Amino acid sequence: GERTALRKGQEFVITLALEALLSKQRILEIYLNSVEWGEGLFGAQAAARYYFRVDAARLAPEPAARLSVMLPAPKRFEKALGSAYVVERAAVIVGRMGDVDLPH
């Protein structure tokens, strides 16, 4: 949570090291398996089970998009997953899903 020049420098070095060692897909997997999606709720699998009662691998596009909308501020959205903002942003994401080239 620190926002100092030293912290940003450390993050930059770590980012370069990760990108040199891992594929973008693997970095994304690690992130999604460790990010917090609510108070004490870590990882995509836990979030999918908690919010939608389904395994992450079986999420439909709309619920997956709702989870992605939460990522910048998960504690703010954990009780507002059905809010107009989350629903509208998720609809935009779902609408753009077909235009994305997934890494292999």
PDB file of N, CA and C in Angstrom:
ATOM      1  N   GLY A   1       0.789  -1.207   0.000  1.00  0.00           N
ATOM      2  CA  GLY A   1       0.000   0.000   0.000  1.00  0.00           C
ATOM      3  C   GLY A   1       0.825   1.262   0.000  1.00  0.00           C
ATOM      4  N   GLU A   2       2.148   1.153   0.132  1.00  0.00           N
ATOM      5  CA  GLU A   2       2.980   2.351   0.136  1.00  0.00           C
ATOM      6  C   GLU A   2       3.029   2.962  -1.254  1.00  0.00           C
ATOM      7  N   ARG A   3       3.109   4.289  -1.310  1.00  0.00           N
ATOM      8  CA  ARG A   3       3.214   4.980  -2.596  1.00  0.00           C
ATOM      9  C   ARG A   3       4.441   5.879  -2.587  1.00  0.00           C
ATOM     10  N   THR A   4       5.580   5.277  -2.351  1.00  0.00           N
ATOM     11  CA  THR A   4       6.826   6.028  -2.330  1.00  0.00           C
ATOM     12  C   THR A   4       7.635   5.715  -3.582  1.00  0.00           C
ATOM     13  N   ALA A   5       8.599   6.574  -3.878  1.00  0.00           N
ATOM     14  CA  ALA A   5       9.462   6.351  -5.041  1.00  0.00           C
ATOM     15  C   ALA A   5      10.242   5.047  -4.875  1.00  0.00           C
ATOM     16  N   LEU A   6      10.705   4.765  -3.665  1.00  0.00           N
ATOM     17  CA  LEU A   6      11.439   3.531  -3.415  1.00  0.00           C
ATOM     18  C   LEU A   6      10.560   2.315  -3.706  1.00  0.00           C
ATOM     19  N   ARG A   7       9.331   2.352  -3.222  1.00  0.00           N
ATOM     20  CA  ARG A   7       8.409   1.242  -3.448  1.00  0.00           C
ATOM     21  C   ARG A   7       8.137   1.046  -4.934  1.00  0.00           C
ATOM     22  N   LYS A   8       7.906   2.143  -5.632  1.00  0.00           N
ATOM     23  CA  LYS A   8       7.655   2.055  -7.077  1.00  0.00           C
ATOM     24  C   LYS A   8       8.874   1.493  -7.802  1.00  0.00           C
ATOM     25  N   GLY A   9      10.067   1.880  -7.386  1.00  0.00           N
ATOM     26  CA  GLY A   9      11.291   1.343  -7.972  1.00  0.00           C
ATOM     27  C   GLY A   9      11.411  -0.151  -7.751  1.00  0.00           C
ATOM     28  N   GLN A  10      11.091  -0.594  -6.546  1.00  0.00           N
ATOM     29  CA  GLN A  10      11.123  -2.026  -6.232  1.00  0.00           C
ATOM     30  C   GLN A  10      10.116  -2.781  -7.093  1.00  0.00           C
ATOM     31  N   GLU A  11       8.918  -2.234  -7.238  1.00  0.00           N
ATOM     32  CA  GLU A  11       7.895  -2.876  -8.060  1.00  0.00           C
ATOM     33  C   GLU A  11       8.346  -2.966  -9.515  1.00  0.00           C
ATOM     34  N   PHE A  12       9.025  -1.937 -10.005  1.00  0.00           N
ATOM     35  CA  PHE A  12       9.516  -1.928 -11.376  1.00  0.00           C
ATOM     36  C   PHE A  12      10.532  -3.047 -11.596  1.00  0.00           C
ATOM     37  N   VAL A  13      11.460  -3.194 -10.677  1.00  0.00           N
ATOM     38  CA  VAL A  13      12.481  -4.237 -10.786  1.00  0.00           C
ATOM     39  C   VAL A  13      11.829  -5.622 -10.731  1.00  0.00           C
ATOM     40  N   ILE A  14      10.903  -5.812  -9.820  1.00  0.00           N
ATOM     41  CA  ILE A  14      10.204  -7.098  -9.709  1.00  0.00           C
ATOM     42  C   ILE A  14       9.431  -7.389 -10.998  1.00  0.00           C
ATOM     43  N   THR A  15       8.789  -6.374 -11.554  1.00  0.00           N
ATOM     44  CA  THR A  15       8.040  -6.546 -12.799  1.00  0.00           C
ATOM     45  C   THR A  15       8.956  -6.989 -13.937  1.00  0.00           C
ATOM     46  N   LEU A  16      10.101  -6.338 -14.066  1.00  0.00           N
ATOM     47  CA  LEU A  16      11.049  -6.734 -15.110  1.00  0.00           C
ATOM     48  C   LEU A  16      11.511  -8.175 -14.924  1.00  0.00           C
ATOM     49  N   ALA A  17      11.790  -8.556 -13.683  1.00  0.00           N
ATOM     50  CA  ALA A  17      12.241  -9.925 -13.404  1.00  0.00           C
ATOM     51  C   ALA A  17      11.150 -10.935 -13.737  1.00  0.00           C
ATOM     52  N   LEU A  18       9.919 -10.643 -13.338  1.00  0.00           N
ATOM     53  CA  LEU A  18       8.821 -11.567 -13.629  1.00  0.00           C
ATOM     54  C   LEU A  18       8.598 -11.723 -15.132  1.00  0.00           C
ATOM     55  N   GLU A  19       8.632 -10.605 -15.846  1.00  0.00           N
ATOM     56  CA  GLU A  19       8.411 -10.666 -17.288  1.00  0.00           C
ATOM     57  C   GLU A  19       9.539 -11.401 -18.016  1.00  0.00           C
ATOM     58  N   ALA A  20      10.730 -11.384 -17.440  1.00  0.00           N
ATOM     59  CA  ALA A  20      11.853 -12.115 -18.040  1.00  0.00           C
ATOM     60  C   ALA A  20      11.741 -13.615 -17.789  1.00  0.00           C
ATOM     61  N   LEU A  21      11.119 -13.991 -16.670  1.00  0.00           N
ATOM     62  CA  LEU A  21      11.065 -15.392 -16.271  1.00  0.00           C
ATOM     63  C   LEU A  21       9.770 -16.111 -16.636  1.00  0.00           C
ATOM     64  N   LEU A  22       8.677 -15.368 -16.726  1.00  0.00           N
ATOM     65  CA  LEU A  22       7.361 -15.992 -16.889  1.00  0.00           C
ATOM     66  C   LEU A  22       6.620 -15.434 -18.099  1.00  0.00           C
ATOM     67  N   SER A  23       5.723 -16.242 -18.643  1.00  0.00           N
ATOM     68  CA  SER A  23       4.873 -15.760 -19.735  1.00  0.00           C
ATOM     69  C   SER A  23       3.796 -14.837 -19.166  1.00  0.00           C
ATOM     70  N   LYS A  24       3.224 -14.022 -20.028  1.00  0.00           N
ATOM     71  CA  LYS A  24       2.134 -13.132 -19.601  1.00  0.00           C
ATOM     72  C   LYS A  24       0.968 -13.949 -19.040  1.00  0.00           C
ATOM     73  N   GLN A  25       0.668 -15.080 -19.667  1.00  0.00           N
ATOM     74  CA  GLN A  25      -0.421 -15.925 -19.205  1.00  0.00           C
ATOM     75  C   GLN A  25      -0.148 -16.430 -17.788  1.00  0.00           C
ATOM     76  N   ARG A  26       1.094 -16.853 -17.522  1.00  0.00           N
ATOM     77  CA  ARG A  26       1.437 -17.354 -16.183  1.00  0.00           C
ATOM     78  C   ARG A  26       1.385 -16.243 -15.144  1.00  0.00           C
ATOM     79  N   ILE A  27       1.827 -15.040 -15.506  1.00  0.00           N
ATOM     80  CA  ILE A  27       1.745 -13.893 -14.590  1.00  0.00           C
ATOM     81  C   ILE A  27       0.285 -13.616 -14.255  1.00  0.00           C
ATOM     82  N   LEU A  28      -0.582 -13.655 -15.264  1.00  0.00           N
ATOM     83  CA  LEU A  28      -2.013 -13.427 -15.035  1.00  0.00           C
ATOM     84  C   LEU A  28      -2.599 -14.520 -14.147  1.00  0.00           C
ATOM     85  N   GLU A  29      -2.233 -15.773 -14.380  1.00  0.00           N
ATOM     86  CA  GLU A  29      -2.706 -16.883 -13.537  1.00  0.00           C
ATOM     87  C   GLU A  29      -2.316 -16.674 -12.075  1.00  0.00           C
ATOM     88  N   ILE A  30      -1.059 -16.319 -11.855  1.00  0.00           N
ATOM     89  CA  ILE A  30      -0.581 -16.100 -10.486  1.00  0.00           C
ATOM     90  C   ILE A  30      -1.364 -14.964  -9.834  1.00  0.00           C
ATOM     91  N   TYR A  31      -1.543 -13.883 -10.572  1.00  0.00           N
ATOM     92  CA  TYR A  31      -2.289 -12.739 -10.050  1.00  0.00           C
ATOM     93  C   TYR A  31      -3.727 -13.125  -9.692  1.00  0.00           C
ATOM     94  N   LEU A  32      -4.415 -13.772 -10.634  1.00  0.00           N
ATOM     95  CA  LEU A  32      -5.819 -14.118 -10.397  1.00  0.00           C
ATOM     96  C   LEU A  32      -5.993 -15.150  -9.287  1.00  0.00           C
ATOM     97  N   ASN A  33      -4.972 -15.945  -9.029  1.00  0.00           N
ATOM     98  CA  ASN A  33      -5.048 -16.932  -7.960  1.00  0.00           C
ATOM     99  C   ASN A  33      -4.653 -16.380  -6.599  1.00  0.00           C
ATOM    100  N   SER A  34      -4.225 -15.124  -6.558  1.00  0.00           N
ATOM    101  CA  SER A  34      -3.813 -14.557  -5.270  1.00  0.00           C
ATOM    102  C   SER A  34      -4.481 -13.234  -4.925  1.00  0.00           C
ATOM    103  N   VAL A  35      -5.086 -12.579  -5.901  1.00  0.00           N
ATOM    104  CA  VAL A  35      -5.698 -11.274  -5.658  1.00  0.00           C
ATOM    105  C   VAL A  35      -6.892 -11.395  -4.704  1.00  0.00           C
ATOM    106  N   GLU A  36      -7.129 -10.327  -3.938  1.00  0.00           N
ATOM    107  CA  GLU A  36      -8.242 -10.311  -2.982  1.00  0.00           C
ATOM    108  C   GLU A  36      -9.507  -9.799  -3.667  1.00  0.00           C
ATOM    109  N   TRP A  37     -10.585 -10.572  -3.543  1.00  0.00           N
ATOM    110  CA  TRP A  37     -11.873 -10.214  -4.138  1.00  0.00           C
ATOM    111  C   TRP A  37     -12.906  -9.867  -3.083  1.00  0.00           C
ATOM    112  N   GLY A  38     -12.484  -9.522  -1.918  1.00  0.00           N
ATOM    113  CA  GLY A  38     -13.373  -9.177  -0.813  1.00  0.00           C
ATOM    114  C   GLY A  38     -12.655  -9.468   0.485  1.00  0.00           C
ATOM    115  N   GLU A  39     -13.246  -9.096   1.558  1.00  0.00           N
ATOM    116  CA  GLU A  39     -12.618  -9.269   2.867  1.00  0.00           C
ATOM    117  C   GLU A  39     -12.250 -10.735   3.109  1.00  0.00           C
ATOM    118  N   GLY A  40     -10.948 -11.027   3.073  1.00  0.00           N
ATOM    119  CA  GLY A  40     -10.470 -12.375   3.330  1.00  0.00           C
ATOM    120  C   GLY A  40     -10.761 -13.377   2.234  1.00  0.00           C
ATOM    121  N   LEU A  41     -11.103 -12.924   1.052  1.00  0.00           N
ATOM    122  CA  LEU A  41     -11.477 -13.793  -0.067  1.00  0.00           C
ATOM    123  C   LEU A  41     -10.416 -13.671  -1.163  1.00  0.00           C
ATOM    124  N   PHE A  42      -9.554 -14.684  -1.262  1.00  0.00           N
ATOM    125  CA  PHE A  42      -8.404 -14.614  -2.162  1.00  0.00           C
ATOM    126  C   PHE A  42      -8.505 -15.632  -3.293  1.00  0.00           C
ATOM    127  N   GLY A  43      -8.267 -15.176  -4.516  1.00  0.00           N
ATOM    128  CA  GLY A  43      -8.216 -16.042  -5.680  1.00  0.00           C
ATOM    129  C   GLY A  43      -9.537 -16.127  -6.432  1.00  0.00           C
ATOM    130  N   ALA A  44      -9.400 -16.363  -7.746  1.00  0.00           N
ATOM    131  CA  ALA A  44     -10.568 -16.443  -8.623  1.00  0.00           C
ATOM    132  C   ALA A  44     -11.498 -17.590  -8.244  1.00  0.00           C
ATOM    133  N   GLN A  45     -10.922 -18.721  -7.866  1.00  0.00           N
ATOM    134  CA  GLN A  45     -11.755 -19.869  -7.493  1.00  0.00           C
ATOM    135  C   GLN A  45     -12.614 -19.540  -6.278  1.00  0.00           C
ATOM    136  N   ALA A  46     -12.010 -18.972  -5.261  1.00  0.00           N
ATOM    137  CA  ALA A  46     -12.756 -18.619  -4.051  1.00  0.00           C
ATOM    138  C   ALA A  46     -13.834 -17.584  -4.363  1.00  0.00           C
ATOM    139  N   ALA A  47     -13.505 -16.611  -5.212  1.00  0.00           N
ATOM    140  CA  ALA A  47     -14.483 -15.574  -5.570  1.00  0.00           C
ATOM    141  C   ALA A  47     -15.648 -16.161  -6.356  1.00  0.00           C
ATOM    142  N   ALA A  48     -15.346 -17.009  -7.325  1.00  0.00           N
ATOM    143  CA  ALA A  48     -16.410 -17.631  -8.118  1.00  0.00           C
ATOM    144  C   ALA A  48     -17.330 -18.466  -7.241  1.00  0.00           C
ATOM    145  N   ARG A  49     -16.752 -19.239  -6.340  1.00  0.00           N
ATOM    146  CA  ARG A  49     -17.565 -20.084  -5.438  1.00  0.00           C
ATOM    147  C   ARG A  49     -18.396 -19.214  -4.490  1.00  0.00           C
ATOM    148  N   TYR A  50     -17.793 -18.174  -3.947  1.00  0.00           N
ATOM    149  CA  TYR A  50     -18.490 -17.331  -2.971  1.00  0.00           C
ATOM    150  C   TYR A  50     -19.617 -16.521  -3.613  1.00  0.00           C
ATOM    151  N   TYR A  51     -19.320 -15.835  -4.701  1.00  0.00           N
ATOM    152  CA  TYR A  51     -20.308 -14.928  -5.297  1.00  0.00           C
ATOM    153  C   TYR A  51     -21.304 -15.616  -6.223  1.00  0.00           C
ATOM    154  N   PHE A  52     -20.871 -16.684  -6.912  1.00  0.00           N
ATOM    155  CA  PHE A  52     -21.733 -17.287  -7.933  1.00  0.00           C
ATOM    156  C   PHE A  52     -21.987 -18.775  -7.752  1.00  0.00           C
ATOM    157  N   ARG A  53     -21.433 -19.373  -6.704  1.00  0.00           N
ATOM    158  CA  ARG A  53     -21.647 -20.789  -6.374  1.00  0.00           C
ATOM    159  C   ARG A  53     -21.272 -21.736  -7.509  1.00  0.00           C
ATOM    160  N   VAL A  54     -20.163 -21.405  -8.190  1.00  0.00           N
ATOM    161  CA  VAL A  54     -19.693 -22.225  -9.311  1.00  0.00           C
ATOM    162  C   VAL A  54     -18.167 -22.167  -9.335  1.00  0.00           C
ATOM    163  N   ASP A  55     -17.539 -23.192  -9.887  1.00  0.00           N
ATOM    164  CA  ASP A  55     -16.088 -23.173 -10.042  1.00  0.00           C
ATOM    165  C   ASP A  55     -15.694 -22.086 -11.040  1.00  0.00           C
ATOM    166  N   ALA A  56     -14.530 -21.503 -10.850  1.00  0.00           N
ATOM    167  CA  ALA A  56     -14.066 -20.427 -11.730  1.00  0.00           C
ATOM    168  C   ALA A  56     -14.025 -20.871 -13.189  1.00  0.00           C
ATOM    169  N   ALA A  57     -13.626 -22.103 -13.441  1.00  0.00           N
ATOM    170  CA  ALA A  57     -13.533 -22.610 -14.806  1.00  0.00           C
ATOM    171  C   ALA A  57     -14.900 -22.696 -15.483  1.00  0.00           C
ATOM    172  N   ARG A  58     -15.968 -22.673 -14.700  1.00  0.00           N
ATOM    173  CA  ARG A  58     -17.318 -22.803 -15.262  1.00  0.00           C
ATOM    174  C   ARG A  58     -18.091 -21.481 -15.259  1.00  0.00           C
ATOM    175  N   LEU A  59     -17.406 -20.384 -14.931  1.00  0.00           N
ATOM    176  CA  LEU A  59     -18.087 -19.090 -14.934  1.00  0.00           C
ATOM    177  C   LEU A  59     -18.534 -18.717 -16.341  1.00  0.00           C
ATOM    178  N   ALA A  60     -19.754 -18.244 -16.454  1.00  0.00           N
ATOM    179  CA  ALA A  60     -20.245 -17.704 -17.716  1.00  0.00           C
ATOM    180  C   ALA A  60     -19.596 -16.328 -17.922  1.00  0.00           C
ATOM    181  N   PRO A  61     -19.637 -15.801 -19.136  1.00  0.00           N
ATOM    182  CA  PRO A  61     -18.998 -14.512 -19.390  1.00  0.00           C
ATOM    183  C   PRO A  61     -19.460 -13.371 -18.481  1.00  0.00           C
ATOM    184  N   GLU A  62     -20.737 -13.247 -18.224  1.00  0.00           N
ATOM    185  CA  GLU A  62     -21.235 -12.120 -17.429  1.00  0.00           C
ATOM    186  C   GLU A  62     -20.734 -12.158 -15.987  1.00  0.00           C
ATOM    187  N   PRO A  63     -20.842 -13.269 -15.268  1.00  0.00           N
ATOM    188  CA  PRO A  63     -20.282 -13.295 -13.916  1.00  0.00           C
ATOM    189  C   PRO A  63     -18.756 -13.102 -13.899  1.00  0.00           C
ATOM    190  N   ALA A  64     -18.061 -13.652 -14.882  1.00  0.00           N
ATOM    191  CA  ALA A  64     -16.615 -13.451 -14.962  1.00  0.00           C
ATOM    192  C   ALA A  64     -16.304 -11.966 -15.143  1.00  0.00           C
ATOM    193  N   ALA A  65     -17.086 -11.302 -15.967  1.00  0.00           N
ATOM    194  CA  ALA A  65     -16.900  -9.869 -16.181  1.00  0.00           C
ATOM    195  C   ALA A  65     -17.185  -9.081 -14.904  1.00  0.00           C
ATOM    196  N   ARG A  66     -18.193  -9.482 -14.157  1.00  0.00           N
ATOM    197  CA  ARG A  66     -18.481  -8.795 -12.889  1.00  0.00           C
ATOM    198  C   ARG A  66     -17.307  -8.909 -11.932  1.00  0.00           C
ATOM    199  N   LEU A  67     -16.692 -10.094 -11.878  1.00  0.00           N
ATOM    200  CA  LEU A  67     -15.522 -10.254 -11.017  1.00  0.00           C
ATOM    201  C   LEU A  67     -14.389  -9.346 -11.480  1.00  0.00           C
ATOM    202  N   SER A  68     -14.203  -9.222 -12.787  1.00  0.00           N
ATOM    203  CA  SER A  68     -13.128  -8.365 -13.283  1.00  0.00           C
ATOM    204  C   SER A  68     -13.379  -6.893 -12.949  1.00  0.00           C
ATOM    205  N   VAL A  69     -14.634  -6.480 -12.940  1.00  0.00           N
ATOM    206  CA  VAL A  69     -14.966  -5.096 -12.576  1.00  0.00           C
ATOM    207  C   VAL A  69     -14.570  -4.813 -11.130  1.00  0.00           C
ATOM    208  N   MET A  70     -14.647  -5.816 -10.288  1.00  0.00           N
ATOM    209  CA  MET A  70     -14.330  -5.648  -8.870  1.00  0.00           C
ATOM    210  C   MET A  70     -12.846  -5.400  -8.603  1.00  0.00           C
ATOM    211  N   LEU A  71     -11.963  -5.863  -9.474  1.00  0.00           N
ATOM    212  CA  LEU A  71     -10.535  -5.905  -9.166  1.00  0.00           C
ATOM    213  C   LEU A  71      -9.889  -4.589  -8.733  1.00  0.00           C
ATOM    214  N   PRO A  72     -10.214  -3.450  -9.310  1.00  0.00           N
ATOM    215  CA  PRO A  72      -9.545  -2.244  -8.820  1.00  0.00           C
ATOM    216  C   PRO A  72      -9.860  -1.908  -7.361  1.00  0.00           C
ATOM    217  N   ALA A  73     -11.044  -2.288  -6.893  1.00  0.00           N
ATOM    218  CA  ALA A  73     -11.459  -1.947  -5.525  1.00  0.00           C
ATOM    219  C   ALA A  73     -12.407  -3.017  -4.987  1.00  0.00           C
ATOM    220  N   PRO A  74     -11.913  -4.244  -4.769  1.00  0.00           N
ATOM    221  CA  PRO A  74     -12.802  -5.351  -4.403  1.00  0.00           C
ATOM    222  C   PRO A  74     -13.596  -5.127  -3.119  1.00  0.00           C
ATOM    223  N   LYS A  75     -13.023  -4.484  -2.142  1.00  0.00           N
ATOM    224  CA  LYS A  75     -13.760  -4.274  -0.892  1.00  0.00           C
ATOM    225  C   LYS A  75     -14.894  -3.276  -1.067  1.00  0.00           C
ATOM    226  N   ARG A  76     -14.763  -2.372  -2.039  1.00  0.00           N
ATOM    227  CA  ARG A  76     -15.833  -1.412  -2.320  1.00  0.00           C
ATOM    228  C   ARG A  76     -17.004  -2.089  -3.028  1.00  0.00           C
ATOM    229  N   PHE A  77     -16.691  -3.095  -3.870  1.00  0.00           N
ATOM    230  CA  PHE A  77     -17.737  -3.724  -4.670  1.00  0.00           C
ATOM    231  C   PHE A  77     -18.279  -5.027  -4.092  1.00  0.00           C
ATOM    232  N   GLU A  78     -17.661  -5.578  -3.057  1.00  0.00           N
ATOM    233  CA  GLU A  78     -18.075  -6.899  -2.580  1.00  0.00           C
ATOM    234  C   GLU A  78     -19.533  -6.942  -2.141  1.00  0.00           C
ATOM    235  N   LYS A  79     -20.060  -5.842  -1.696  1.00  0.00           N
ATOM    236  CA  LYS A  79     -21.466  -5.807  -1.278  1.00  0.00           C
ATOM    237  C   LYS A  79     -22.345  -5.150  -2.342  1.00  0.00           C
ATOM    238  N   ALA A  80     -21.756  -4.814  -3.490  1.00  0.00           N
ATOM    239  CA  ALA A  80     -22.490  -4.120  -4.548  1.00  0.00           C
ATOM    240  C   ALA A  80     -22.304  -4.806  -5.896  1.00  0.00           C
ATOM    241  N   LEU A  81     -22.207  -6.127  -5.881  1.00  0.00           N
ATOM    242  CA  LEU A  81     -21.965  -6.866  -7.116  1.00  0.00           C
ATOM    243  C   LEU A  81     -23.109  -6.711  -8.119  1.00  0.00           C
ATOM    244  N   GLY A  82     -24.281  -6.340  -7.636  1.00  0.00           N
ATOM    245  CA  GLY A  82     -25.430  -6.132  -8.519  1.00  0.00           C
ATOM    246  C   GLY A  82     -25.722  -4.669  -8.772  1.00  0.00           C
ATOM    247  N   SER A  83     -24.813  -3.782  -8.387  1.00  0.00           N
ATOM    248  CA  SER A  83     -25.039  -2.345  -8.574  1.00  0.00           C
ATOM    249  C   SER A  83     -25.071  -1.995 -10.055  1.00  0.00           C
ATOM    250  N   ALA A  84     -25.690  -0.882 -10.374  1.00  0.00           N
ATOM    251  CA  ALA A  84     -25.787  -0.444 -11.765  1.00  0.00           C
ATOM    252  C   ALA A  84     -24.397  -0.274 -12.370  1.00  0.00           C
ATOM    253  N   TYR A  85     -23.469   0.275 -11.610  1.00  0.00           N
ATOM    254  CA  TYR A  85     -22.112   0.475 -12.130  1.00  0.00           C
ATOM    255  C   TYR A  85     -21.479  -0.855 -12.515  1.00  0.00           C
ATOM    256  N   VAL A  86     -21.509  -1.835 -11.618  1.00  0.00           N
ATOM    257  CA  VAL A  86     -20.883  -3.132 -11.885  1.00  0.00           C
ATOM    258  C   VAL A  86     -21.561  -3.813 -13.070  1.00  0.00           C
ATOM    259  N   VAL A  87     -22.876  -3.799 -13.107  1.00  0.00           N
ATOM    260  CA  VAL A  87     -23.616  -4.441 -14.198  1.00  0.00           C
ATOM    261  C   VAL A  87     -23.297  -3.779 -15.540  1.00  0.00           C
ATOM    262  N   GLU A  88     -23.254  -2.443 -15.569  1.00  0.00           N
ATOM    263  CA  GLU A  88     -22.971  -1.731 -16.816  1.00  0.00           C
ATOM    264  C   GLU A  88     -21.539  -1.969 -17.291  1.00  0.00           C
ATOM    265  N   ARG A  89     -20.572  -1.894 -16.384  1.00  0.00           N
ATOM    266  CA  ARG A  89     -19.173  -2.139 -16.754  1.00  0.00           C
ATOM    267  C   ARG A  89     -18.991  -3.582 -17.227  1.00  0.00           C
ATOM    268  N   ALA A  90     -19.657  -4.527 -16.551  1.00  0.00           N
ATOM    269  CA  ALA A  90     -19.569  -5.934 -16.952  1.00  0.00           C
ATOM    270  C   ALA A  90     -20.137  -6.116 -18.359  1.00  0.00           C
ATOM    271  N   ALA A  91     -21.209  -5.427 -18.681  1.00  0.00           N
ATOM    272  CA  ALA A  91     -21.806  -5.526 -20.019  1.00  0.00           C
ATOM    273  C   ALA A  91     -20.825  -5.029 -21.086  1.00  0.00           C
ATOM    274  N   VAL A  92     -20.090  -3.972 -20.796  1.00  0.00           N
ATOM    275  CA  VAL A  92     -19.085  -3.462 -21.733  1.00  0.00           C
ATOM    276  C   VAL A  92     -17.998  -4.518 -21.941  1.00  0.00           C
ATOM    277  N   ILE A  93     -17.539  -5.125 -20.839  1.00  0.00           N
ATOM    278  CA  ILE A  93     -16.494  -6.147 -20.933  1.00  0.00           C
ATOM    279  C   ILE A  93     -16.975  -7.339 -21.754  1.00  0.00           C
ATOM    280  N   VAL A  94     -18.189  -7.813 -21.474  1.00  0.00           N
ATOM    281  CA  VAL A  94     -18.743  -8.948 -22.230  1.00  0.00           C
ATOM    282  C   VAL A  94     -18.838  -8.586 -23.706  1.00  0.00           C
ATOM    283  N   GLY A  95     -19.248  -7.360 -23.990  1.00  0.00           N
ATOM    284  CA  GLY A  95     -19.358  -6.922 -25.382  1.00  0.00           C
ATOM    285  C   GLY A  95     -18.024  -6.907 -26.108  1.00  0.00           C
ATOM    286  N   ARG A  96     -16.944  -6.711 -25.377  1.00  0.00           N
ATOM    287  CA  ARG A  96     -15.609  -6.660 -25.991  1.00  0.00           C
ATOM    288  C   ARG A  96     -14.879  -7.996 -25.968  1.00  0.00           C
ATOM    289  N   MET A  97     -15.413  -8.991 -25.297  1.00  0.00           N
ATOM    290  CA  MET A  97     -14.722 -10.273 -25.162  1.00  0.00           C
ATOM    291  C   MET A  97     -14.410 -10.916 -26.504  1.00  0.00           C
ATOM    292  N   GLY A  98     -15.285 -10.803 -27.456  1.00  0.00           N
ATOM    293  CA  GLY A  98     -15.062 -11.423 -28.762  1.00  0.00           C
ATOM    294  C   GLY A  98     -13.925 -10.787 -29.557  1.00  0.00           C
ATOM    295  N   ASP A  99     -13.528  -9.586 -29.185  1.00  0.00           N
ATOM    296  CA  ASP A  99     -12.469  -8.871 -29.898  1.00  0.00           C
ATOM    297  C   ASP A  99     -11.070  -9.146 -29.339  1.00  0.00           C
ATOM    298  N   VAL A 100     -10.984  -9.962 -28.288  1.00  0.00           N
ATOM    299  CA  VAL A 100      -9.709 -10.184 -27.608  1.00  0.00           C
ATOM    300  C   VAL A 100      -9.023 -11.427 -28.158  1.00  0.00           C
ATOM    301  N   ASP A 101      -7.747 -11.281 -28.432  1.00  0.00           N
ATOM    302  CA  ASP A 101      -6.912 -12.431 -28.812  1.00  0.00           C
ATOM    303  C   ASP A 101      -6.266 -12.967 -27.551  1.00  0.00           C
ATOM    304  N   LEU A 102      -6.633 -14.179 -27.165  1.00  0.00           N
ATOM    305  CA  LEU A 102      -6.047 -14.773 -25.961  1.00  0.00           C
ATOM    306  C   LEU A 102      -4.673 -15.345 -26.269  1.00  0.00           C
ATOM    307  N   PRO A 103      -3.755 -15.224 -25.302  1.00  0.00           N
ATOM    308  CA  PRO A 103      -2.417 -15.812 -25.531  1.00  0.00           C
ATOM    309  C   PRO A 103      -2.501 -17.333 -25.563  1.00  0.00           C
ATOM    310  N   HIS A 104      -1.576 -17.945 -26.259  1.00  0.00           N
ATOM    311  CA  HIS A 104      -1.542 -19.411 -26.367  1.00  0.00           C
ATOM    312  C   HIS A 104      -0.516 -19.984 -25.441  1.00  0.00           C
TER     313      HIS A 104
END
